[in-house]
PDB file of N, CA and C in Angstrom:
ATOM      1  N   UNK A   1     158.195 139.412  55.865  1.00  0.00           N
ATOM      2  CA  UNK A   1     157.302 138.966  56.558  1.00  0.00           C
ATOM      3  C   UNK A   1     157.278 138.520  58.286  1.00  0.00           C
ATOM      4  N   UNK A   2     156.239 138.716  58.996  1.00  0.00           N
ATOM      5  CA  UNK A   2     156.266 139.128  60.203  1.00  0.00           C
ATOM      6  C   UNK A   2     156.243 137.178  60.546  1.00  0.00           C
ATOM      7  N   UNK A   3     157.297 136.559  61.484  1.00  0.00           N
ATOM      8  CA  UNK A   3     156.588 135.381  61.819  1.00  0.00           C
ATOM      9  C   UNK A   3     155.560 134.857  61.949  1.00  0.00           C
ATOM     10  N   UNK A   4     154.450 135.431  62.530  1.00  0.00           N
ATOM     11  CA  UNK A   4     153.341 135.234  62.925  1.00  0.00           C
ATOM     12  C   UNK A   4     152.226 135.233  61.540  1.00  0.00           C
ATOM     13  N   UNK A   5     152.290 136.359  60.353  1.00  0.00           N
ATOM     14  CA  UNK A   5     151.696 136.377  59.807  1.00  0.00           C
ATOM     15  C   UNK A   5     151.629 135.666  58.183  1.00  0.00           C
ATOM     16  N   UNK A   6     150.571 134.901  58.171  1.00  0.00           N
ATOM     17  CA  UNK A   6     150.804 134.347  56.977  1.00  0.00           C
ATOM     18  C   UNK A   6     150.313 134.602  55.847  1.00  0.00           C
ATOM     19  N   UNK A   7     150.176 134.656  54.701  1.00  0.00           N
ATOM     20  CA  UNK A   7     149.895 135.042  53.649  1.00  0.00           C
ATOM     21  C   UNK A   7     149.180 134.866  52.800  1.00  0.00           C
ATOM     22  N   UNK A   8     147.888 135.783  52.735  1.00  0.00           N
ATOM     23  CA  UNK A   8     146.436 136.102  52.561  1.00  0.00           C
ATOM     24  C   UNK A   8     146.549 135.583  50.197  1.00  0.00           C
ATOM     25  N   UNK A   9     147.866 136.063  50.146  1.00  0.00           N
ATOM     26  CA  UNK A   9     147.416 136.241  48.590  1.00  0.00           C
ATOM     27  C   UNK A   9     148.858 134.703  48.115  1.00  0.00           C
ATOM     28  N   UNK A  10     148.388 135.131  46.594  1.00  0.00           N
ATOM     29  CA  UNK A  10     149.314 133.506  45.980  1.00  0.00           C
ATOM     30  C   UNK A  10     150.663 134.312  46.033  1.00  0.00           C
ATOM     31  N   UNK A  11     151.727 133.359  45.868  1.00  0.00           N
ATOM     32  CA  UNK A  11     153.087 133.799  45.458  1.00  0.00           C
ATOM     33  C   UNK A  11     153.734 133.516  44.359  1.00  0.00           C
ATOM     34  N   UNK A  12     154.177 134.339  43.662  1.00  0.00           N
ATOM     35  CA  UNK A  12     154.490 134.276  41.797  1.00  0.00           C
ATOM     36  C   UNK A  12     156.062 134.693  41.929  1.00  0.00           C
ATOM     37  N   UNK A  13     157.067 133.604  41.642  1.00  0.00           N
ATOM     38  CA  UNK A  13     158.280 134.211  41.339  1.00  0.00           C
ATOM     39  C   UNK A  13     158.678 133.388  40.287  1.00  0.00           C
ATOM     40  N   UNK A  14     159.858 134.022  40.221  1.00  0.00           N
ATOM     41  CA  UNK A  14     160.822 133.034  39.080  1.00  0.00           C
ATOM     42  C   UNK A  14     161.805 132.445  40.092  1.00  0.00           C
ATOM     43  N   UNK A  15     162.170 131.414  39.780  1.00  0.00           N
ATOM     44  CA  UNK A  15     163.520 130.772  40.870  1.00  0.00           C
ATOM     45  C   UNK A  15     164.398 131.077  40.551  1.00  0.00           C
ATOM     46  N   UNK A  16     165.039 131.913  39.564  1.00  0.00           N
ATOM     47  CA  UNK A  16     166.207 132.538  39.055  1.00  0.00           C
ATOM     48  C   UNK A  16     166.308 134.117  39.903  1.00  0.00           C
ATOM     49  N   UNK A  17     165.068 134.471  40.902  1.00  0.00           N
ATOM     50  CA  UNK A  17     164.897 135.287  41.615  1.00  0.00           C
ATOM     51  C   UNK A  17     165.172 135.526  43.154  1.00  0.00           C
ATOM     52  N   UNK A  18     165.661 133.816  43.442  1.00  0.00           N
ATOM     53  CA  UNK A  18     165.607 133.816  44.858  1.00  0.00           C
ATOM     54  C   UNK A  18     167.155 133.062  44.784  1.00  0.00           C
ATOM     55  N   UNK A  19     167.680 133.811  46.184  1.00  0.00           N
ATOM     56  CA  UNK A  19     169.357 133.318  46.158  1.00  0.00           C
ATOM     57  C   UNK A  19     169.268 131.835  46.762  1.00  0.00           C
ATOM     58  N   UNK A  20     170.792 131.903  46.846  1.00  0.00           N
ATOM     59  CA  UNK A  20     171.053 130.405  46.803  1.00  0.00           C
ATOM     60  C   UNK A  20     172.045 131.185  48.255  1.00  0.00           C
ATOM     61  N   UNK A  21     171.574 129.658  49.129  1.00  0.00           N
ATOM     62  CA  UNK A  21     172.398 130.034  50.948  1.00  0.00           C
ATOM     63  C   UNK A  21     173.016 128.547  51.035  1.00  0.00           C
ATOM     64  N   UNK A  22     173.528 128.454  51.775  1.00  0.00           N
ATOM     65  CA  UNK A  22     174.475 127.037  52.458  1.00  0.00           C
ATOM     66  C   UNK A  22     173.845 126.860  53.312  1.00  0.00           C
ATOM     67  N   UNK A  23     172.735 126.395  54.016  1.00  0.00           N
ATOM     68  CA  UNK A  23     172.177 126.596  55.642  1.00  0.00           C
ATOM     69  C   UNK A  23     173.136 125.383  56.339  1.00  0.00           C
ATOM     70  N   UNK A  24     173.005 126.029  57.750  1.00  0.00           N
ATOM     71  CA  UNK A  24     173.673 124.928  58.337  1.00  0.00           C
ATOM     72  C   UNK A  24     173.588 123.531  58.704  1.00  0.00           C
ATOM     73  N   UNK A  25     174.715 122.797  58.257  1.00  0.00           N
ATOM     74  CA  UNK A  25     174.348 121.696  58.401  1.00  0.00           C
ATOM     75  C   UNK A  25     174.840 121.037  56.927  1.00  0.00           C
ATOM     76  N   UNK A  26     175.207 122.088  55.798  1.00  0.00           N
ATOM     77  CA  UNK A  26     175.248 121.550  54.473  1.00  0.00           C
ATOM     78  C   UNK A  26     176.990 122.035  54.294  1.00  0.00           C
ATOM     79  N   UNK A  27     177.515 121.159  53.506  1.00  0.00           N
ATOM     80  CA  UNK A  27     178.946 121.532  53.365  1.00  0.00           C
ATOM     81  C   UNK A  27     179.565 120.815  51.427  1.00  0.00           C
ATOM     82  N   UNK A  28     180.619 122.192  51.395  1.00  0.00           N
ATOM     83  CA  UNK A  28     181.093 121.929  50.078  1.00  0.00           C
ATOM     84  C   UNK A  28     180.343 122.132  48.943  1.00  0.00           C
ATOM     85  N   UNK A  29     179.693 123.307  49.063  1.00  0.00           N
ATOM     86  CA  UNK A  29     178.566 123.673  48.000  1.00  0.00           C
ATOM     87  C   UNK A  29     177.305 122.777  47.994  1.00  0.00           C
ATOM     88  N   UNK A  30     176.434 122.579  48.762  1.00  0.00           N
ATOM     89  CA  UNK A  30     175.380 122.094  48.699  1.00  0.00           C
ATOM     90  C   UNK A  30     174.914 122.850  49.370  1.00  0.00           C
ATOM     91  N   UNK A  31     174.202 123.940  47.740  1.00  0.00           N
ATOM     92  CA  UNK A  31     173.063 124.879  48.116  1.00  0.00           C
ATOM     93  C   UNK A  31     171.992 124.850  48.208  1.00  0.00           C
ATOM     94  N   UNK A  32     170.701 125.524  48.407  1.00  0.00           N
ATOM     95  CA  UNK A  32     169.754 125.393  48.017  1.00  0.00           C
ATOM     96  C   UNK A  32     168.733 126.998  48.197  1.00  0.00           C
ATOM     97  N   UNK A  33     167.951 126.663  47.639  1.00  0.00           N
ATOM     98  CA  UNK A  33     167.012 128.118  47.401  1.00  0.00           C
ATOM     99  C   UNK A  33     165.559 127.598  47.757  1.00  0.00           C
ATOM    100  N   UNK A  34     164.965 128.968  48.902  1.00  0.00           N
ATOM    101  CA  UNK A  34     164.229 128.882  49.683  1.00  0.00           C
ATOM    102  C   UNK A  34     163.107 129.430  48.812  1.00  0.00           C
ATOM    103  N   UNK A  35     162.044 128.368  48.127  1.00  0.00           N
ATOM    104  CA  UNK A  35     161.042 128.758  46.929  1.00  0.00           C
ATOM    105  C   UNK A  35     159.798 128.934  47.590  1.00  0.00           C
ATOM    106  N   UNK A  36     159.463 128.353  48.831  1.00  0.00           N
ATOM    107  CA  UNK A  36     158.287 128.914  49.757  1.00  0.00           C
ATOM    108  C   UNK A  36     158.492 128.108  51.254  1.00  0.00           C
ATOM    109  N   UNK A  37     158.391 129.122  52.048  1.00  0.00           N
ATOM    110  CA  UNK A  37     158.575 128.777  53.487  1.00  0.00           C
ATOM    111  C   UNK A  37     158.022 129.421  54.013  1.00  0.00           C
ATOM    112  N   UNK A  38     158.722 129.862  55.351  1.00  0.00           N
ATOM    113  CA  UNK A  38     157.791 130.654  56.443  1.00  0.00           C
ATOM    114  C   UNK A  38     158.130 132.073  56.141  1.00  0.00           C
ATOM    115  N   UNK A  39     159.617 132.152  56.422  1.00  0.00           N
ATOM    116  CA  UNK A  39     160.027 133.134  55.871  1.00  0.00           C
ATOM    117  C   UNK A  39     159.596 134.135  55.013  1.00  0.00           C
ATOM    118  N   UNK A  40     159.599 133.493  53.713  1.00  0.00           N
ATOM    119  CA  UNK A  40     158.801 134.096  52.144  1.00  0.00           C
ATOM    120  C   UNK A  40     157.324 134.485  52.530  1.00  0.00           C
ATOM    121  N   UNK A  41     156.317 133.361  52.862  1.00  0.00           N
ATOM    122  CA  UNK A  41     154.785 133.625  53.048  1.00  0.00           C
ATOM    123  C   UNK A  41     154.469 133.351  54.454  1.00  0.00           C
ATOM    124  N   UNK A  42     154.857 132.959  55.279  1.00  0.00           N
ATOM    125  CA  UNK A  42     154.561 132.826  57.369  1.00  0.00           C
ATOM    126  C   UNK A  42     154.051 131.327  56.569  1.00  0.00           C
ATOM    127  N   UNK A  43     153.932 130.482  55.866  1.00  0.00           N
ATOM    128  CA  UNK A  43     153.646 129.521  56.035  1.00  0.00           C
ATOM    129  C   UNK A  43     154.036 128.540  57.121  1.00  0.00           C
ATOM    130  N   UNK A  44     153.236 127.925  58.016  1.00  0.00           N
ATOM    131  CA  UNK A  44     153.967 126.655  58.659  1.00  0.00           C
ATOM    132  C   UNK A  44     153.894 125.226  58.616  1.00  0.00           C
ATOM    133  N   UNK A  45     153.266 125.106  57.066  1.00  0.00           N
ATOM    134  CA  UNK A  45     153.204 124.033  56.834  1.00  0.00           C
ATOM    135  C   UNK A  45     153.579 123.409  56.078  1.00  0.00           C
ATOM    136  N   UNK A  46     154.290 123.564  55.272  1.00  0.00           N
ATOM    137  CA  UNK A  46     155.269 123.329  54.306  1.00  0.00           C
ATOM    138  C   UNK A  46     156.751 124.222  53.730  1.00  0.00           C
ATOM    139  N   UNK A  47     157.669 123.730  53.658  1.00  0.00           N
ATOM    140  CA  UNK A  47     158.870 124.283  53.340  1.00  0.00           C
ATOM    141  C   UNK A  47     159.368 123.560  51.631  1.00  0.00           C
ATOM    142  N   UNK A  48     159.389 124.679  51.011  1.00  0.00           N
ATOM    143  CA  UNK A  48     159.655 123.980  49.675  1.00  0.00           C
ATOM    144  C   UNK A  48     160.693 124.309  48.957  1.00  0.00           C
ATOM    145  N   UNK A  49     161.740 123.509  48.542  1.00  0.00           N
ATOM    146  CA  UNK A  49     163.251 124.227  48.182  1.00  0.00           C
ATOM    147  C   UNK A  49     164.096 123.498  47.015  1.00  0.00           C
ATOM    148  N   UNK A  50     164.879 124.185  45.997  1.00  0.00           N
ATOM    149  CA  UNK A  50     165.188 123.304  45.020  1.00  0.00           C
ATOM    150  C   UNK A  50     166.617 123.375  45.662  1.00  0.00           C
ATOM    151  N   UNK A  51     167.734 122.467  45.614  1.00  0.00           N
ATOM    152  CA  UNK A  51     168.983 121.885  46.369  1.00  0.00           C
ATOM    153  C   UNK A  51     169.664 122.142  44.735  1.00  0.00           C
ATOM    154  N   UNK A  52     171.301 122.405  44.791  1.00  0.00           N
ATOM    155  CA  UNK A  52     172.325 122.167  44.059  1.00  0.00           C
ATOM    156  C   UNK A  52     173.251 121.778  44.468  1.00  0.00           C
ATOM    157  N   UNK A  53     174.109 120.649  44.531  1.00  0.00           N
ATOM    158  CA  UNK A  53     175.366 120.119  45.370  1.00  0.00           C
ATOM    159  C   UNK A  53     176.257 119.716  43.883  1.00  0.00           C
ATOM    160  N   UNK A  54     177.095 120.116  44.122  1.00  0.00           N
ATOM    161  CA  UNK A  54     178.393 119.766  44.054  1.00  0.00           C
ATOM    162  C   UNK A  54     178.641 118.755  44.175  1.00  0.00           C
ATOM    163  N   UNK A  55     179.658 118.285  43.148  1.00  0.00           N
ATOM    164  CA  UNK A  55     179.910 116.552  43.523  1.00  0.00           C
ATOM    165  C   UNK A  55     181.125 117.015  45.320  1.00  0.00           C
ATOM    166  N   UNK A  56     180.560 115.612  45.728  1.00  0.00           N
ATOM    167  CA  UNK A  56     180.822 115.674  46.945  1.00  0.00           C
ATOM    168  C   UNK A  56     180.209 116.228  48.072  1.00  0.00           C
ATOM    169  N   UNK A  57     179.762 117.205  47.269  1.00  0.00           N
ATOM    170  CA  UNK A  57     178.877 118.016  48.500  1.00  0.00           C
ATOM    171  C   UNK A  57     177.771 117.619  49.375  1.00  0.00           C
ATOM    172  N   UNK A  58     177.089 117.715  50.215  1.00  0.00           N
ATOM    173  CA  UNK A  58     176.783 117.025  51.463  1.00  0.00           C
ATOM    174  C   UNK A  58     175.825 117.145  52.534  1.00  0.00           C
ATOM    175  N   UNK A  59     174.468 116.941  52.706  1.00  0.00           N
ATOM    176  CA  UNK A  59     173.898 117.361  54.174  1.00  0.00           C
ATOM    177  C   UNK A  59     174.282 116.513  55.308  1.00  0.00           C
ATOM    178  N   UNK A  60     174.800 116.417  56.410  1.00  0.00           N
ATOM    179  CA  UNK A  60     175.585 116.293  57.342  1.00  0.00           C
ATOM    180  C   UNK A  60     174.489 115.389  57.840  1.00  0.00           C
ATOM    181  N   UNK A  61     174.313 113.925  58.378  1.00  0.00           N
ATOM    182  CA  UNK A  61     173.359 113.137  58.990  1.00  0.00           C
ATOM    183  C   UNK A  61     172.964 113.615  59.985  1.00  0.00           C
ATOM    184  N   UNK A  62     171.385 114.149  59.933  1.00  0.00           N
ATOM    185  CA  UNK A  62     170.580 114.650  61.242  1.00  0.00           C
ATOM    186  C   UNK A  62     169.074 113.463  61.172  1.00  0.00           C
ATOM    187  N   UNK A  63     168.147 113.882  61.629  1.00  0.00           N
ATOM    188  CA  UNK A  63     167.206 113.354  62.156  1.00  0.00           C
ATOM    189  C   UNK A  63     166.291 114.279  62.484  1.00  0.00           C
ATOM    190  N   UNK A  64     164.899 113.946  62.273  1.00  0.00           N
ATOM    191  CA  UNK A  64     163.360 115.343  62.189  1.00  0.00           C
ATOM    192  C   UNK A  64     162.754 114.520  63.000  1.00  0.00           C
ATOM    193  N   UNK A  65     162.861 115.552  63.965  1.00  0.00           N
ATOM    194  CA  UNK A  65     161.468 114.624  65.309  1.00  0.00           C
ATOM    195  C   UNK A  65     159.448 114.914  64.780  1.00  0.00           C
ATOM    196  N   UNK A  66     159.457 115.729  64.387  1.00  0.00           N
ATOM    197  CA  UNK A  66     158.165 115.360  63.082  1.00  0.00           C
ATOM    198  C   UNK A  66     158.043 115.785  62.099  1.00  0.00           C
ATOM    199  N   UNK A  67     158.804 116.277  61.275  1.00  0.00           N
ATOM    200  CA  UNK A  67     158.974 116.523  59.903  1.00  0.00           C
ATOM    201  C   UNK A  67     159.178 115.755  58.891  1.00  0.00           C
ATOM    202  N   UNK A  68     158.140 115.336  57.782  1.00  0.00           N
ATOM    203  CA  UNK A  68     158.573 114.359  56.965  1.00  0.00           C
ATOM    204  C   UNK A  68     158.819 115.640  55.756  1.00  0.00           C
ATOM    205  N   UNK A  69     159.694 114.141  55.012  1.00  0.00           N
ATOM    206  CA  UNK A  69     160.270 115.140  53.564  1.00  0.00           C
ATOM    207  C   UNK A  69     160.305 114.034  52.555  1.00  0.00           C
ATOM    208  N   UNK A  70     160.322 115.223  51.259  1.00  0.00           N
ATOM    209  CA  UNK A  70     160.566 114.417  50.031  1.00  0.00           C
ATOM    210  C   UNK A  70     161.349 115.323  49.143  1.00  0.00           C
ATOM    211  N   UNK A  71     162.225 114.152  48.932  1.00  0.00           N
ATOM    212  CA  UNK A  71     163.426 114.470  47.583  1.00  0.00           C
ATOM    213  C   UNK A  71     163.136 114.023  46.500  1.00  0.00           C
ATOM    214  N   UNK A  72     163.085 114.560  45.653  1.00  0.00           N
ATOM    215  CA  UNK A  72     162.518 114.238  44.367  1.00  0.00           C
ATOM    216  C   UNK A  72     163.940 115.145  42.742  1.00  0.00           C
ATOM    217  N   UNK A  73     164.882 114.237  42.977  1.00  0.00           N
ATOM    218  CA  UNK A  73     166.053 114.338  42.346  1.00  0.00           C
ATOM    219  C   UNK A  73     165.350 114.503  40.595  1.00  0.00           C
ATOM    220  N   UNK A  74     166.211 116.160  40.282  1.00  0.00           N
ATOM    221  CA  UNK A  74     165.930 116.493  38.854  1.00  0.00           C
ATOM    222  C   UNK A  74     167.030 115.891  37.658  1.00  0.00           C
ATOM    223  N   UNK A  75     168.066 116.331  38.549  1.00  0.00           N
ATOM    224  CA  UNK A  75     169.459 116.109  37.426  1.00  0.00           C
ATOM    225  C   UNK A  75     170.504 115.344  38.597  1.00  0.00           C
ATOM    226  N   UNK A  76     171.681 114.786  37.748  1.00  0.00           N
ATOM    227  CA  UNK A  76     172.445 114.211  39.078  1.00  0.00           C
ATOM    228  C   UNK A  76     172.139 112.390  39.514  1.00  0.00           C
ATOM    229  N   UNK A  77     173.476 112.422  40.437  1.00  0.00           N
ATOM    230  CA  UNK A  77     173.232 111.451  41.471  1.00  0.00           C
ATOM    231  C   UNK A  77     174.000 111.700  42.901  1.00  0.00           C
ATOM    232  N   UNK A  78     173.043 110.959  43.499  1.00  0.00           N
ATOM    233  CA  UNK A  78     172.881 111.089  44.599  1.00  0.00           C
ATOM    234  C   UNK A  78     173.252 109.735  45.651  1.00  0.00           C
ATOM    235  N   UNK A  79     174.315 110.022  46.440  1.00  0.00           N
ATOM    236  CA  UNK A  79     173.664 108.943  47.793  1.00  0.00           C
ATOM    237  C   UNK A  79     173.327 109.119  49.360  1.00  0.00           C
ATOM    238  N   UNK A  80     172.102 108.549  49.259  1.00  0.00           N
ATOM    239  CA  UNK A  80     171.115 108.640  50.334  1.00  0.00           C
ATOM    240  C   UNK A  80     171.470 107.657  51.688  1.00  0.00           C
ATOM    241  N   UNK A  81     171.738 108.245  52.793  1.00  0.00           N
ATOM    242  CA  UNK A  81     171.797 107.237  53.589  1.00  0.00           C
ATOM    243  C   UNK A  81     170.787 107.370  54.670  1.00  0.00           C
ATOM    244  N   UNK A  82     169.683 106.206  54.478  1.00  0.00           N
ATOM    245  CA  UNK A  82     168.675 106.252  55.439  1.00  0.00           C
ATOM    246  C   UNK A  82     168.796 104.927  56.991  1.00  0.00           C
ATOM    247  N   UNK A  83     169.139 105.916  57.667  1.00  0.00           N
ATOM    248  CA  UNK A  83     169.062 104.531  59.126  1.00  0.00           C
ATOM    249  C   UNK A  83     170.093 103.860  58.866  1.00  0.00           C
ATOM    250  N   UNK A  84     171.382 103.995  58.502  1.00  0.00           N
ATOM    251  CA  UNK A  84     172.802 103.682  57.845  1.00  0.00           C
ATOM    252  C   UNK A  84     172.980 102.730  56.232  1.00  0.00           C
ATOM    253  N   UNK A  85     171.449 102.731  55.924  1.00  0.00           N
ATOM    254  CA  UNK A  85     171.347 102.077  54.895  1.00  0.00           C
ATOM    255  C   UNK A  85     171.426 102.733  53.778  1.00  0.00           C
ATOM    256  N   UNK A  86     172.339 102.459  52.411  1.00  0.00           N
ATOM    257  CA  UNK A  86     172.773 103.335  51.421  1.00  0.00           C
ATOM    258  C   UNK A  86     172.180 103.463  50.244  1.00  0.00           C
ATOM    259  N   UNK A  87     171.787 103.983  49.056  1.00  0.00           N
ATOM    260  CA  UNK A  87     170.961 103.890  48.329  1.00  0.00           C
ATOM    261  C   UNK A  87     171.097 105.215  47.006  1.00  0.00           C
ATOM    262  N   UNK A  88     171.711 104.862  45.518  1.00  0.00           N
ATOM    263  CA  UNK A  88     171.863 105.407  44.833  1.00  0.00           C
ATOM    264  C   UNK A  88     170.396 106.407  44.543  1.00  0.00           C
ATOM    265  N   UNK A  89     170.152 107.744  44.540  1.00  0.00           N
ATOM    266  CA  UNK A  89     169.316 108.101  43.586  1.00  0.00           C
ATOM    267  C   UNK A  89     169.619 109.023  42.412  1.00  0.00           C
ATOM    268  N   UNK A  90     168.749 108.772  41.471  1.00  0.00           N
ATOM    269  CA  UNK A  90     169.257 109.433  39.909  1.00  0.00           C
ATOM    270  C   UNK A  90     168.165 109.894  39.996  1.00  0.00           C
ATOM    271  N   UNK A  91     168.121 110.718  38.398  1.00  0.00           N
ATOM    272  CA  UNK A  91     166.959 111.860  37.548  1.00  0.00           C
ATOM    273  C   UNK A  91     166.281 111.163  37.879  1.00  0.00           C
ATOM    274  N   UNK A  92     164.752 111.574  38.345  1.00  0.00           N
ATOM    275  CA  UNK A  92     163.677 111.479  38.503  1.00  0.00           C
ATOM    276  C   UNK A  92     163.394 110.233  39.517  1.00  0.00           C
ATOM    277  N   UNK A  93     164.272 109.887  40.483  1.00  0.00           N
ATOM    278  CA  UNK A  93     163.734 108.759  41.654  1.00  0.00           C
ATOM    279  C   UNK A  93     163.511 110.184  42.409  1.00  0.00           C
ATOM    280  N   UNK A  94     163.052 109.335  43.562  1.00  0.00           N
ATOM    281  CA  UNK A  94     162.209 110.157  45.031  1.00  0.00           C
ATOM    282  C   UNK A  94     162.399 109.247  45.977  1.00  0.00           C
ATOM    283  N   UNK A  95     162.123 110.119  47.006  1.00  0.00           N
ATOM    284  CA  UNK A  95     162.042 109.229  48.614  1.00  0.00           C
ATOM    285  C   UNK A  95     161.285 110.271  49.146  1.00  0.00           C
ATOM    286  N   UNK A  96     160.532 109.397  49.753  1.00  0.00           N
ATOM    287  CA  UNK A  96     159.775 110.023  51.053  1.00  0.00           C
ATOM    288  C   UNK A  96     160.217 109.326  52.240  1.00  0.00           C
ATOM    289  N   UNK A  97     160.348 110.612  53.365  1.00  0.00           N
ATOM    290  CA  UNK A  97     161.674 110.102  55.046  1.00  0.00           C
ATOM    291  C   UNK A  97     160.431 110.549  55.393  1.00  0.00           C
ATOM    292  N   UNK A  98     160.029 109.673  56.769  1.00  0.00           N
ATOM    293  CA  UNK A  98     159.412 109.994  57.337  1.00  0.00           C
ATOM    294  C   UNK A  98     160.054 110.655  58.874  1.00  0.00           C
ATOM    295  N   UNK A  99     159.523 111.411  59.973  1.00  0.00           N
ATOM    296  CA  UNK A  99     159.997 111.342  61.210  1.00  0.00           C
ATOM    297  C   UNK A  99     160.610 110.703  61.325  1.00  0.00           C
ATOM    298  N   UNK A 100     162.044 110.497  62.634  1.00  0.00           N
ATOM    299  CA  UNK A 100     162.873 109.689  62.906  1.00  0.00           C
ATOM    300  C   UNK A 100     163.453 108.672  61.957  1.00  0.00           C
ATOM    301  N   UNK A 101     164.052 108.957  61.396  1.00  0.00           N
ATOM    302  CA  UNK A 101     164.698 108.209  60.208  1.00  0.00           C
ATOM    303  C   UNK A 101     166.224 109.244  60.430  1.00  0.00           C
ATOM    304  N   UNK A 102     167.445 108.510  60.024  1.00  0.00           N
ATOM    305  CA  UNK A 102     168.256 109.754  60.220  1.00  0.00           C
ATOM    306  C   UNK A 102     168.947 109.403  58.678  1.00  0.00           C
ATOM    307  N   UNK A 103     169.256 110.549  58.383  1.00  0.00           N
ATOM    308  CA  UNK A 103     169.627 110.641  56.928  1.00  0.00           C
ATOM    309  C   UNK A 103     170.658 111.575  56.370  1.00  0.00           C
ATOM    310  N   UNK A 104     171.332 111.695  55.484  1.00  0.00           N
ATOM    311  CA  UNK A 104     171.834 112.313  54.908  1.00  0.00           C
ATOM    312  C   UNK A 104     172.206 111.854  53.088  1.00  0.00           C
ATOM    313  N   UNK A 105     172.510 112.931  52.654  1.00  0.00           N
ATOM    314  CA  UNK A 105     172.391 112.862  50.857  1.00  0.00           C
ATOM    315  C   UNK A 105     173.698 113.458  50.678  1.00  0.00           C
ATOM    316  N   UNK A 106     174.425 112.560  49.788  1.00  0.00           N
ATOM    317  CA  UNK A 106     175.484 113.245  48.974  1.00  0.00           C
ATOM    318  C   UNK A 106     176.001 113.681  47.974  1.00  0.00           C
ATOM    319  N   UNK A 107     176.216 114.349  47.166  1.00  0.00           N
ATOM    320  CA  UNK A 107     176.316 114.007  45.195  1.00  0.00           C
ATOM    321  C   UNK A 107     177.774 113.263  45.169  1.00  0.00           C
ATOM    322  N   UNK A 108     177.268 112.091  44.460  1.00  0.00           N
ATOM    323  CA  UNK A 108     178.472 111.926  44.095  1.00  0.00           C
ATOM    324  C   UNK A 108     178.729 111.355  42.714  1.00  0.00           C
ATOM    325  N   UNK A 109     178.147 112.027  41.418  1.00  0.00           N
ATOM    326  CA  UNK A 109     178.074 111.979  40.328  1.00  0.00           C
ATOM    327  C   UNK A 109     179.758 112.576  39.629  1.00  0.00           C
ATOM    328  N   UNK A 110     179.174 112.845  38.319  1.00  0.00           N
ATOM    329  CA  UNK A 110     179.937 113.385  37.500  1.00  0.00           C
ATOM    330  C   UNK A 110     179.708 115.323  37.297  1.00  0.00           C
ATOM    331  N   UNK A 111     178.336 115.385  37.253  1.00  0.00           N
ATOM    332  CA  UNK A 111     177.664 116.635  37.537  1.00  0.00           C
ATOM    333  C   UNK A 111     176.743 117.087  38.814  1.00  0.00           C
ATOM    334  N   UNK A 112     175.957 117.958  38.929  1.00  0.00           N
ATOM    335  CA  UNK A 112     176.351 118.596  40.149  1.00  0.00           C
ATOM    336  C   UNK A 112     174.386 117.935  40.222  1.00  0.00           C
ATOM    337  N   UNK A 113     174.152 117.559  41.531  1.00  0.00           N
ATOM    338  CA  UNK A 113     172.917 116.588  41.747  1.00  0.00           C
ATOM    339  C   UNK A 113     171.960 117.941  42.059  1.00  0.00           C
ATOM    340  N   UNK A 114     170.863 118.052  41.371  1.00  0.00           N
ATOM    341  CA  UNK A 114     169.698 118.647  41.475  1.00  0.00           C
ATOM    342  C   UNK A 114     168.824 118.133  41.648  1.00  0.00           C
ATOM    343  N   UNK A 115     167.918 118.679  43.399  1.00  0.00           N
ATOM    344  CA  UNK A 115     166.780 118.336  43.547  1.00  0.00           C
ATOM    345  C   UNK A 115     165.749 119.122  44.157  1.00  0.00           C
ATOM    346  N   UNK A 116     164.542 118.487  44.425  1.00  0.00           N
ATOM    347  CA  UNK A 116     163.863 119.479  44.910  1.00  0.00           C
ATOM    348  C   UNK A 116     163.318 118.781  46.146  1.00  0.00           C
ATOM    349  N   UNK A 117     163.544 119.687  47.617  1.00  0.00           N
ATOM    350  CA  UNK A 117     163.293 118.781  48.844  1.00  0.00           C
ATOM    351  C   UNK A 117     161.944 119.793  49.547  1.00  0.00           C
ATOM    352  N   UNK A 118     160.705 118.732  49.791  1.00  0.00           N
ATOM    353  CA  UNK A 118     159.448 119.304  49.911  1.00  0.00           C
ATOM    354  C   UNK A 118     159.471 118.794  51.489  1.00  0.00           C
ATOM    355  N   UNK A 119     159.479 120.109  52.723  1.00  0.00           N
ATOM    356  CA  UNK A 119     159.279 119.404  53.644  1.00  0.00           C
ATOM    357  C   UNK A 119     158.365 119.913  54.396  1.00  0.00           C
ATOM    358  N   UNK A 120     156.911 119.293  55.137  1.00  0.00           N
ATOM    359  CA  UNK A 120     156.261 119.627  56.573  1.00  0.00           C
ATOM    360  C   UNK A 120     156.333 118.499  57.724  1.00  0.00           C
ATOM    361  N   UNK A 121     155.503 119.329  58.967  1.00  0.00           N
ATOM    362  CA  UNK A 121     155.420 120.738  58.702  1.00  0.00           C
ATOM    363  C   UNK A 121     156.566 121.525  58.324  1.00  0.00           C
ATOM    364  N   UNK A 122     156.743 122.979  58.938  1.00  0.00           N
ATOM    365  CA  UNK A 122     157.959 123.799  58.002  1.00  0.00           C
ATOM    366  C   UNK A 122     159.236 123.913  58.831  1.00  0.00           C
ATOM    367  N   UNK A 123     158.275 123.802  60.105  1.00  0.00           N
ATOM    368  CA  UNK A 123     159.727 123.648  60.923  1.00  0.00           C
ATOM    369  C   UNK A 123     159.628 122.572  62.449  1.00  0.00           C
ATOM    370  N   UNK A 124     160.499 121.729  62.772  1.00  0.00           N
ATOM    371  CA  UNK A 124     160.848 120.534  63.428  1.00  0.00           C
ATOM    372  C   UNK A 124     159.922 120.708  64.750  1.00  0.00           C
ATOM    373  N   UNK A 125     160.079 121.972  65.371  1.00  0.00           N
ATOM    374  CA  UNK A 125     160.066 121.991  67.014  1.00  0.00           C
ATOM    375  C   UNK A 125     158.099 122.150  67.315  1.00  0.00           C
ATOM    376  N   UNK A 126     157.632 122.187  65.450  1.00  0.00           N
ATOM    377  CA  UNK A 126     156.303 122.610  66.091  1.00  0.00           C
ATOM    378  C   UNK A 126     155.708 120.803  65.445  1.00  0.00           C
ATOM    379  N   UNK A 127     154.516 120.873  66.200  1.00  0.00           N
ATOM    380  CA  UNK A 127     153.749 119.679  66.242  1.00  0.00           C
ATOM    381  C   UNK A 127     152.669 119.762  65.244  1.00  0.00           C
ATOM    382  N   UNK A 128     153.184 118.979  64.306  1.00  0.00           N
ATOM    383  CA  UNK A 128     152.094 118.966  62.702  1.00  0.00           C
ATOM    384  C   UNK A 128     150.856 119.070  62.596  1.00  0.00           C
ATOM    385  N   UNK A 129     149.987 120.105  61.881  1.00  0.00           N
ATOM    386  CA  UNK A 129     148.706 120.877  61.935  1.00  0.00           C
ATOM    387  C   UNK A 129     147.850 119.464  61.312  1.00  0.00           C
TER     388      UNK A 129
END
């Protein structure tokens, strides 16, 4: 799909058909699958992923200029750091992270950390719609 084309059709897939990737800034087995993204359907408003982090896997501390994010934990435990304050997230915990908050997330349990990530807008360089 072209960078400027937004799909006018619904997008239906099974999660198993999407490929795992280790995105920049993610380390030690911090994998994600893009489920809805600009690259897949042309959306500029949302990016929706499932992430699977092996114990000790992490995303480095970073900050978004305009993006908001929601993390929703499906399985496992993760240490979330928001502006230097650490919190333990477990199954069914979720967090909303507004723009401008420095954050990182590290799998710290005995089993992999599995969580959804919803980001809006889809790219940080864009002005929110």
